Amino acid sequence: MRIPQRKLAILTLVLYWPALIVLAHIPIPASVRSAHVSDKSLHFLAYLVLTFLLWFSLKPKDKVKWGKFKVWGVLFGLTAYGAIDEIIQSHIGRTCDIMDLAANVAGIFFCLLLLTFLSFIPAALLISGIVIFGIANVAKTNLAESFPIVYSVFHFVAYSIFTSFWIFYMNNNLPRRYKKLKWLILAVGIPLCFLVAVRISSFYLGRGIDQKDFIFPIAAILTVITARYLRLFIMQEFLTNQT
């Protein structure tokens, strides 16, 4: 199944960028400060995702080629945007920090570097994994305890996206001779293994483990797999009725 890469990137960008602007221009809640969230990590992740969405909105089928004008246009354009954003923040009660800008540029450059080698689906899979790992370890405390609803919603959505792109990657790259059981084991097993790896890393980094760390990601993985099987079943029924 082909996915409309540009339409998907543009739609997500239209939702993501305004949300990012709003979050960047409101006072940092005391609860976020008390959780000791790494501001620089959030800047890196935010601009990593922004660059990915902007690039595939402009060039949905192309990898990054550093000799092209658009690559440098995206790099310097987003860097300028990040600098202006930092200056504006200094007038609304937040600090203008050169290290925040450096984290923004790092996120932009790292994304463009990835897109030098990766096309849309593997890049989306890798970046969604980086964001999940980053958010799980962005604070010195377990965010599931400080922000239970937001944390749960984020992980359900994030693991749904990760699993969906993993299925697209499987369908495009794995041998078609794979039987349904083998396909199912891989479709469920890889996201679950990634989940376990993220939680183990968080545990050893001192974040602790909460049951929400597993319940909502597992629910997301199973929801995506179930939705795919329902779609295939409906399509088969439709084709059967047509004949």
Protein backbone atom coordinates (compact mmCIF):
# COMPACT_ATOMS: atom_id res chain seq x y z
CA MET A 1 0.00 0.00 0.00
CA ARG A 2 1.36 3.42 -1.00
CA ILE A 3 0.98 6.30 1.41
CA PRO A 4 0.49 9.93 0.27
CA GLN A 5 3.79 11.16 1.68
CA ARG A 6 3.41 14.83 0.83
CA LYS A 7 -0.22 15.11 1.94
CA LEU A 8 0.58 13.33 5.20
CA ALA A 9 3.60 15.57 5.83
CA ILE A 10 1.69 18.78 5.01
CA LEU A 11 -1.32 17.84 7.15
CA THR A 12 0.89 16.98 10.12
CA LEU A 13 2.98 20.12 9.63
CA VAL A 14 -0.14 22.31 9.60
CA LEU A 15 -1.08 20.87 12.99
CA TYR A 16 2.41 20.55 14.46
CA TRP A 17 3.97 23.93 13.70
CA PRO A 18 1.21 26.11 15.25
CA ALA A 19 1.22 23.85 18.32
CA LEU A 20 4.99 24.28 18.57
CA ILE A 21 4.63 28.07 18.31
CA VAL A 22 2.06 28.13 21.11
CA LEU A 23 4.13 25.91 23.40
CA ALA A 24 7.23 28.02 22.78
CA HIS A 25 5.47 31.23 23.82
CA ILE A 26 3.71 30.33 27.03
CA PRO A 27 5.34 30.39 30.48
CA ILE A 28 6.96 27.12 31.49
CA PRO A 29 4.65 25.45 34.07
CA ALA A 30 6.06 24.95 37.55
CA SER A 31 5.31 21.23 37.26
CA VAL A 32 7.63 21.00 34.25
CA ARG A 33 10.39 22.80 36.12
CA SER A 34 9.96 20.54 39.14
CA ALA A 35 10.29 17.46 36.91
CA HIS A 36 13.71 18.79 35.77
CA VAL A 37 12.85 18.40 32.10
CA SER A 38 15.85 18.87 29.79
CA ASP A 39 14.99 21.99 27.80
CA LYS A 40 17.80 21.42 25.29
CA SER A 41 16.59 17.88 24.55
CA LEU A 42 13.08 19.19 23.86
CA HIS A 43 14.47 21.82 21.48
CA PHE A 44 16.46 19.16 19.63
CA LEU A 45 13.47 16.82 19.29
CA ALA A 46 11.07 19.63 18.32
CA TYR A 47 13.26 20.82 15.44
CA LEU A 48 14.14 17.28 14.41
CA VAL A 49 10.43 16.62 13.77
CA LEU A 50 9.83 20.08 12.27
CA THR A 51 12.63 19.61 9.75
CA PHE A 52 11.39 16.16 8.77
CA LEU A 53 7.84 17.42 8.15
CA LEU A 54 8.98 20.53 6.27
CA TRP A 55 11.37 18.60 4.02
CA PHE A 56 8.79 16.03 2.96
CA SER A 57 6.20 18.77 2.48
CA LEU A 58 8.57 20.35 -0.04
CA LYS A 59 10.34 17.30 -1.49
CA PRO A 60 8.20 14.21 -0.78
CA LYS A 61 10.21 11.76 -2.87
CA ASP A 62 13.75 13.10 -2.63
CA LYS A 63 16.61 12.39 -0.26
CA VAL A 64 18.76 15.32 0.80
CA LYS A 65 21.43 16.29 -1.70
CA TRP A 66 23.70 18.90 -0.19
CA GLY A 67 24.48 20.51 -3.52
CA LYS A 68 20.86 21.60 -3.95
CA PHE A 69 19.61 25.05 -2.95
CA LYS A 70 16.51 23.74 -1.12
CA VAL A 71 18.64 21.88 1.44
CA TRP A 72 20.46 25.04 2.46
CA GLY A 73 17.22 27.00 2.26
CA VAL A 74 15.62 24.64 4.80
CA LEU A 75 18.74 24.68 7.02
CA PHE A 76 19.17 28.45 7.13
CA GLY A 77 15.43 29.17 7.02
CA LEU A 78 14.68 27.05 10.08
CA THR A 79 17.80 28.36 11.84
CA ALA A 80 16.61 31.93 11.26
CA TYR A 81 13.14 30.99 12.48
CA GLY A 82 14.65 29.44 15.62
CA ALA A 83 16.73 32.58 16.26
CA ILE A 84 13.72 34.89 15.84
CA ASP A 85 11.69 32.61 18.09
CA GLU A 86 14.34 32.88 20.83
CA ILE A 87 14.38 36.69 20.55
CA ILE A 88 10.58 36.86 20.81
CA GLN A 89 10.63 34.62 23.89
CA SER A 90 12.81 37.17 25.70
CA HIS A 91 9.90 39.63 25.54
CA ILE A 92 7.26 37.31 27.04
CA GLY A 93 8.95 36.28 30.26
CA ARG A 94 11.12 33.47 28.89
CA THR A 95 14.85 33.54 28.33
CA CYS A 96 16.70 34.00 25.04
CA ASP A 97 19.30 31.25 25.26
CA ILE A 98 22.02 30.71 22.64
CA MET A 99 22.23 27.07 23.75
CA ASP A 100 18.54 26.60 22.92
CA LEU A 101 19.32 27.87 19.42
CA ALA A 102 22.28 25.49 19.23
CA ALA A 103 19.97 22.60 20.15
CA ASN A 104 17.54 23.74 17.42
CA VAL A 105 20.31 23.78 14.82
CA ALA A 106 21.53 20.37 15.99
CA GLY A 107 18.04 18.95 15.46
CA ILE A 108 17.77 20.53 12.00
CA PHE A 109 21.20 19.34 10.87
CA PHE A 110 20.79 15.84 12.31
CA CYS A 111 17.47 15.39 10.50
CA LEU A 112 18.93 16.57 7.17
CA LEU A 113 21.87 14.22 7.71
CA LEU A 114 19.48 11.30 8.24
CA LEU A 115 17.51 12.25 5.15
CA THR A 116 20.72 12.10 3.13
CA PHE A 117 20.53 8.32 3.48
CA LEU A 118 16.89 7.51 4.32
CA SER A 119 13.65 7.82 2.38
CA PHE A 120 10.31 8.78 3.95
CA ILE A 121 9.20 5.55 5.67
CA PRO A 122 12.51 4.46 7.25
CA ALA A 123 13.20 8.06 8.26
CA ALA A 124 9.75 8.38 9.85
CA LEU A 125 10.27 5.09 11.67
CA LEU A 126 13.68 6.14 13.01
CA ILE A 127 12.62 9.66 13.99
CA SER A 128 9.48 8.45 15.78
CA GLY A 129 11.70 6.02 17.70
CA ILE A 130 14.13 8.81 18.61
CA VAL A 131 11.27 11.01 19.83
CA ILE A 132 9.80 8.20 21.95
CA PHE A 133 13.19 7.43 23.50
CA GLY A 134 13.90 11.13 24.03
CA ILE A 135 10.60 11.94 25.73
CA ALA A 136 10.92 8.84 27.95
CA ASN A 137 14.29 10.12 29.18
CA VAL A 138 13.94 13.89 28.89
CA ALA A 139 13.29 14.42 32.62
CA LYS A 140 15.09 13.33 35.76
CA THR A 141 11.81 11.96 37.10
CA ASN A 142 9.22 9.63 35.57
CA LEU A 143 6.84 11.88 33.63
CA ALA A 144 4.05 9.31 34.02
CA GLU A 145 3.81 10.40 37.65
CA SER A 146 3.90 14.16 37.00
CA PHE A 147 1.74 14.31 33.85
CA PRO A 148 -0.29 11.07 33.76
CA ILE A 149 -2.88 12.07 31.13
CA VAL A 150 -0.54 13.89 28.75
CA TYR A 151 2.10 11.19 29.13
CA SER A 152 -0.40 8.40 28.44
CA VAL A 153 -1.90 10.12 25.39
CA PHE A 154 1.56 10.88 24.00
CA HIS A 155 2.71 7.27 24.31
CA PHE A 156 -0.48 5.87 22.79
CA VAL A 157 -0.18 8.20 19.80
CA ALA A 158 3.61 7.82 19.49
CA TYR A 159 3.59 4.02 19.57
CA SER A 160 0.66 3.97 17.14
CA ILE A 161 2.73 6.04 14.71
CA PHE A 162 5.85 3.93 15.29
CA THR A 163 3.95 0.66 14.74
CA SER A 164 2.19 2.00 11.64
CA PHE A 165 5.46 3.00 10.00
CA TRP A 166 7.02 -0.31 10.98
CA ILE A 167 4.18 -2.12 9.19
CA PHE A 168 4.65 0.08 6.11
CA TYR A 169 8.37 -0.67 6.22
CA MET A 170 7.74 -4.42 6.55
CA ASN A 171 5.29 -4.48 3.68
CA ASN A 172 7.69 -2.57 1.41
CA ASN A 173 10.93 -4.35 2.27
CA LEU A 174 10.35 -7.84 3.67
CA PRO A 175 9.88 -10.87 1.37
CA ARG A 176 6.27 -11.41 0.30
CA ARG A 177 6.60 -15.13 1.03
CA TYR A 178 6.26 -14.40 4.75
CA LYS A 179 3.21 -16.20 6.05
CA LYS A 180 0.62 -14.50 8.22
CA LEU A 181 1.95 -15.90 11.51
CA LYS A 182 5.53 -14.83 10.77
CA TRP A 183 4.30 -11.42 9.65
CA LEU A 184 2.25 -11.04 12.84
CA ILE A 185 5.18 -12.03 15.06
CA LEU A 186 7.39 -9.41 13.42
CA ALA A 187 4.66 -6.75 13.36
CA VAL A 188 4.03 -7.09 17.09
CA GLY A 189 7.47 -8.25 18.22
CA ILE A 190 9.64 -5.38 16.96
CA PRO A 191 7.54 -2.57 18.56
CA LEU A 192 7.35 -4.60 21.79
CA CYS A 193 11.12 -5.14 21.79
CA PHE A 194 11.60 -1.42 21.22
CA LEU A 195 9.24 -0.67 24.12
CA VAL A 196 11.18 -2.97 26.44
CA ALA A 197 14.51 -1.43 25.33
CA VAL A 198 13.21 2.09 26.04
CA ARG A 199 11.93 1.11 29.48
CA ILE A 200 15.15 -0.69 30.42
CA SER A 201 17.19 2.35 29.41
CA SER A 202 14.89 4.61 31.45
CA PHE A 203 15.23 2.33 34.47
CA TYR A 204 19.03 2.39 34.33
CA LEU A 205 18.97 6.16 33.87
CA GLY A 206 17.03 6.43 37.14
CA ARG A 207 13.59 7.36 35.75
CA GLY A 208 11.78 4.41 37.32
CA ILE A 209 9.01 2.39 35.69
CA ASP A 210 5.25 2.93 35.93
CA GLN A 211 2.54 0.54 34.70
CA LYS A 212 1.39 3.29 32.31
CA ASP A 213 4.78 2.93 30.62
CA PHE A 214 3.56 -0.42 29.30
CA ILE A 215 -0.24 -0.30 29.24
CA PHE A 216 -0.72 2.50 26.72
CA PRO A 217 2.12 1.57 24.32
CA ILE A 218 0.94 -2.07 24.23
CA ALA A 219 -2.64 -0.89 23.68
CA ALA A 220 -1.42 1.29 20.80
CA ILE A 221 0.53 -1.56 19.17
CA LEU A 222 -2.41 -3.97 19.40
CA THR A 223 -4.85 -1.31 18.15
CA VAL A 224 -2.79 -0.69 15.01
CA ILE A 225 -2.39 -4.41 14.27
CA THR A 226 -6.10 -5.06 14.87
CA ALA A 227 -7.07 -2.13 12.63
CA ARG A 228 -4.93 -3.52 9.83
CA TYR A 229 -6.51 -6.96 10.06
CA LEU A 230 -10.00 -5.44 10.13
CA ARG A 231 -9.17 -3.42 7.03
CA LEU A 232 -7.92 -6.51 5.20
CA PHE A 233 -10.99 -8.47 6.28
CA ILE A 234 -13.35 -5.73 5.07
CA MET A 235 -11.50 -5.51 1.74
CA GLN A 236 -11.66 -9.29 1.26
CA GLU A 237 -15.38 -9.31 2.05
CA PHE A 238 -15.96 -6.48 -0.38
CA LEU A 239 -14.06 -8.26 -3.17
CA THR A 240 -15.92 -11.49 -2.44
CA ASN A 241 -19.29 -9.74 -2.67
CA GLN A 242 -18.25 -8.07 -5.90
CA THR A 243 -17.54 -11.45 -7.51
